[in-house]
N, C-alpha and C. Protein backbone atom coordinates (compact mmCIF):
# COMPACT_ATOMS: atom_id res chain seq x y z
N MET A 1 0.85 -1.17 0.00
CA MET A 1 0.00 0.00 0.00
C MET A 1 0.90 1.24 0.00
N ALA A 2 0.56 2.19 -0.83
CA ALA A 2 1.33 3.43 -0.91
C ALA A 2 1.05 4.30 0.31
N PRO A 3 2.00 5.15 0.71
CA PRO A 3 1.78 6.01 1.88
C PRO A 3 0.54 6.89 1.75
N PHE A 4 0.31 7.44 0.56
CA PHE A 4 -0.87 8.28 0.35
C PHE A 4 -2.15 7.48 0.59
N GLU A 5 -2.17 6.26 0.05
CA GLU A 5 -3.35 5.42 0.18
C GLU A 5 -3.57 5.03 1.64
N ALA A 6 -2.49 4.76 2.37
CA ALA A 6 -2.62 4.40 3.78
C ALA A 6 -3.12 5.59 4.60
N LEU A 7 -2.66 6.79 4.26
CA LEU A 7 -3.02 7.97 5.03
C LEU A 7 -4.44 8.43 4.74
N TYR A 8 -4.82 8.48 3.44
CA TYR A 8 -6.11 9.05 3.06
C TYR A 8 -7.18 8.02 2.70
N GLY A 9 -6.80 6.74 2.60
CA GLY A 9 -7.78 5.71 2.34
C GLY A 9 -8.25 5.63 0.90
N ARG A 10 -7.55 6.27 -0.01
CA ARG A 10 -7.89 6.18 -1.43
C ARG A 10 -6.63 6.28 -2.26
N ARG A 11 -6.70 5.82 -3.50
CA ARG A 11 -5.52 5.81 -4.36
C ARG A 11 -5.16 7.23 -4.80
N CYS A 12 -3.88 7.46 -4.95
CA CYS A 12 -3.40 8.74 -5.44
C CYS A 12 -3.55 8.77 -6.95
N ARG A 13 -4.15 9.83 -7.48
CA ARG A 13 -4.30 9.95 -8.92
C ARG A 13 -3.08 10.68 -9.47
N SER A 14 -2.51 10.14 -10.50
CA SER A 14 -1.32 10.74 -11.10
C SER A 14 -1.73 11.95 -11.93
N PRO A 15 -0.77 12.84 -12.26
CA PRO A 15 -1.10 14.01 -13.09
C PRO A 15 -1.70 13.62 -14.44
N ILE A 16 -1.39 12.45 -14.93
CA ILE A 16 -1.96 12.01 -16.20
C ILE A 16 -3.43 11.67 -16.03
N GLY A 17 -3.85 11.26 -14.85
CA GLY A 17 -5.23 10.86 -14.62
C GLY A 17 -6.00 11.86 -13.80
N TRP A 18 -5.96 13.14 -14.12
CA TRP A 18 -6.66 14.16 -13.35
C TRP A 18 -8.13 14.25 -13.72
N PHE A 19 -8.58 13.45 -14.65
CA PHE A 19 -9.98 13.48 -15.02
C PHE A 19 -10.80 12.89 -13.87
N MET A 20 -12.07 13.09 -13.90
CA MET A 20 -12.95 12.65 -12.82
C MET A 20 -12.99 11.13 -12.74
N VAL A 21 -13.13 10.62 -11.54
CA VAL A 21 -13.22 9.18 -11.34
C VAL A 21 -14.49 8.68 -12.00
N GLY A 22 -14.41 7.60 -12.74
CA GLY A 22 -15.56 7.06 -13.43
C GLY A 22 -15.72 7.58 -14.84
N GLU A 23 -14.99 8.61 -15.19
CA GLU A 23 -15.04 9.17 -16.53
C GLU A 23 -14.31 8.23 -17.48
N VAL A 24 -14.76 8.17 -18.68
CA VAL A 24 -14.12 7.31 -19.66
C VAL A 24 -12.71 7.82 -19.93
N THR A 25 -11.75 6.92 -19.93
CA THR A 25 -10.37 7.34 -20.14
C THR A 25 -10.18 7.79 -21.58
N LEU A 26 -9.40 8.81 -21.74
CA LEU A 26 -9.10 9.34 -23.06
C LEU A 26 -7.94 8.57 -23.66
N ILE A 27 -7.89 8.56 -24.95
CA ILE A 27 -6.87 7.78 -25.63
C ILE A 27 -5.94 8.71 -26.38
N GLY A 28 -4.64 8.44 -26.28
CA GLY A 28 -3.63 9.07 -27.12
C GLY A 28 -3.48 10.56 -26.98
N LEU A 29 -3.65 11.25 -28.10
CA LEU A 29 -3.33 12.67 -28.17
C LEU A 29 -4.21 13.53 -27.29
N GLU A 30 -5.47 13.16 -27.13
CA GLU A 30 -6.36 13.94 -26.27
C GLU A 30 -5.86 13.95 -24.83
N LEU A 31 -5.42 12.80 -24.35
CA LEU A 31 -4.91 12.68 -22.99
C LEU A 31 -3.67 13.52 -22.81
N VAL A 32 -2.76 13.45 -23.76
CA VAL A 32 -1.52 14.23 -23.68
C VAL A 32 -1.84 15.73 -23.76
N GLN A 33 -2.75 16.12 -24.63
CA GLN A 33 -3.12 17.53 -24.78
C GLN A 33 -3.73 18.06 -23.48
N GLN A 34 -4.62 17.31 -22.87
CA GLN A 34 -5.23 17.76 -21.62
C GLN A 34 -4.18 17.88 -20.51
N ALA A 35 -3.27 16.93 -20.44
CA ALA A 35 -2.22 16.97 -19.42
C ALA A 35 -1.34 18.20 -19.64
N MET A 36 -0.99 18.48 -20.89
CA MET A 36 -0.15 19.64 -21.20
C MET A 36 -0.85 20.95 -20.83
N GLU A 37 -2.15 21.03 -21.09
CA GLU A 37 -2.90 22.23 -20.74
C GLU A 37 -2.93 22.44 -19.23
N LYS A 38 -3.10 21.36 -18.48
CA LYS A 38 -3.13 21.46 -17.02
C LYS A 38 -1.77 21.84 -16.47
N VAL A 39 -0.71 21.30 -17.04
CA VAL A 39 0.64 21.67 -16.62
C VAL A 39 0.89 23.14 -16.91
N TRP A 40 0.45 23.61 -18.08
CA TRP A 40 0.63 25.02 -18.43
C TRP A 40 -0.12 25.91 -17.44
N LEU A 41 -1.36 25.53 -17.09
CA LEU A 41 -2.15 26.31 -16.15
C LEU A 41 -1.47 26.35 -14.77
N ILE A 42 -0.95 25.23 -14.33
CA ILE A 42 -0.26 25.17 -13.04
C ILE A 42 0.97 26.07 -13.06
N ARG A 43 1.73 26.02 -14.15
CA ARG A 43 2.92 26.87 -14.25
C ARG A 43 2.56 28.34 -14.21
N GLU A 44 1.51 28.73 -14.90
CA GLU A 44 1.09 30.13 -14.90
C GLU A 44 0.68 30.57 -13.49
N LYS A 45 -0.05 29.73 -12.78
CA LYS A 45 -0.47 30.09 -11.42
C LYS A 45 0.73 30.17 -10.48
N LEU A 46 1.72 29.28 -10.67
CA LEU A 46 2.93 29.35 -9.86
C LEU A 46 3.70 30.63 -10.14
N LYS A 47 3.77 31.04 -11.41
CA LYS A 47 4.45 32.29 -11.75
C LYS A 47 3.78 33.48 -11.08
N MET A 48 2.45 33.49 -11.08
CA MET A 48 1.72 34.58 -10.43
C MET A 48 1.99 34.59 -8.93
N ALA A 49 1.97 33.42 -8.30
CA ALA A 49 2.21 33.34 -6.86
C ALA A 49 3.63 33.77 -6.52
N GLN A 50 4.60 33.35 -7.33
CA GLN A 50 5.99 33.73 -7.08
C GLN A 50 6.17 35.23 -7.24
N SER A 51 5.53 35.81 -8.24
CA SER A 51 5.61 37.25 -8.46
C SER A 51 5.01 38.01 -7.28
N ARG A 52 3.87 37.54 -6.80
CA ARG A 52 3.22 38.19 -5.66
C ARG A 52 4.11 38.11 -4.42
N GLN A 53 4.68 36.93 -4.15
CA GLN A 53 5.55 36.78 -2.99
C GLN A 53 6.81 37.64 -3.12
N LYS A 54 7.35 37.75 -4.34
CA LYS A 54 8.54 38.57 -4.56
C LYS A 54 8.22 40.04 -4.28
N SER A 55 7.07 40.50 -4.73
CA SER A 55 6.72 41.89 -4.49
C SER A 55 6.55 42.16 -3.00
N TYR A 56 5.96 41.22 -2.26
CA TYR A 56 5.83 41.38 -0.80
C TYR A 56 7.20 41.41 -0.14
N ALA A 57 8.11 40.54 -0.58
CA ALA A 57 9.44 40.49 0.01
C ALA A 57 10.25 41.73 -0.33
N ASP A 58 10.11 42.23 -1.55
CA ASP A 58 10.86 43.42 -1.96
C ASP A 58 10.46 44.65 -1.14
N VAL A 59 9.21 44.76 -0.77
CA VAL A 59 8.74 45.89 0.02
C VAL A 59 9.39 45.88 1.40
N ARG A 60 9.56 44.70 1.99
CA ARG A 60 10.09 44.59 3.34
C ARG A 60 11.61 44.50 3.41
N ARG A 61 12.27 44.34 2.27
CA ARG A 61 13.72 44.17 2.24
C ARG A 61 14.40 45.50 2.57
N ARG A 62 15.46 45.43 3.34
CA ARG A 62 16.24 46.63 3.70
C ARG A 62 17.64 46.50 3.12
N ASP A 63 18.26 47.63 2.85
CA ASP A 63 19.64 47.61 2.38
C ASP A 63 20.54 47.23 3.53
N LEU A 64 21.62 46.52 3.22
CA LEU A 64 22.60 46.14 4.23
C LEU A 64 23.45 47.33 4.60
N GLU A 65 23.66 47.50 5.88
CA GLU A 65 24.53 48.58 6.36
C GLU A 65 25.62 47.96 7.23
N PHE A 66 26.86 48.33 6.96
CA PHE A 66 27.98 47.81 7.75
C PHE A 66 28.60 48.91 8.55
């Protein structure tokens, strides 16, 4: 049993299988295309979050004085 399954009581779905449980599995190019779109969306959201955190950090950053 995988650690995720032991902890949460259900199987971990891989990034390739992000479709709803019980949904008919897609074949070939459609599956790859959907996975690529989801990866792109995740990357864009991560970029936005990183940019937001950087702007917060830049406001609070002080110059070093020796």
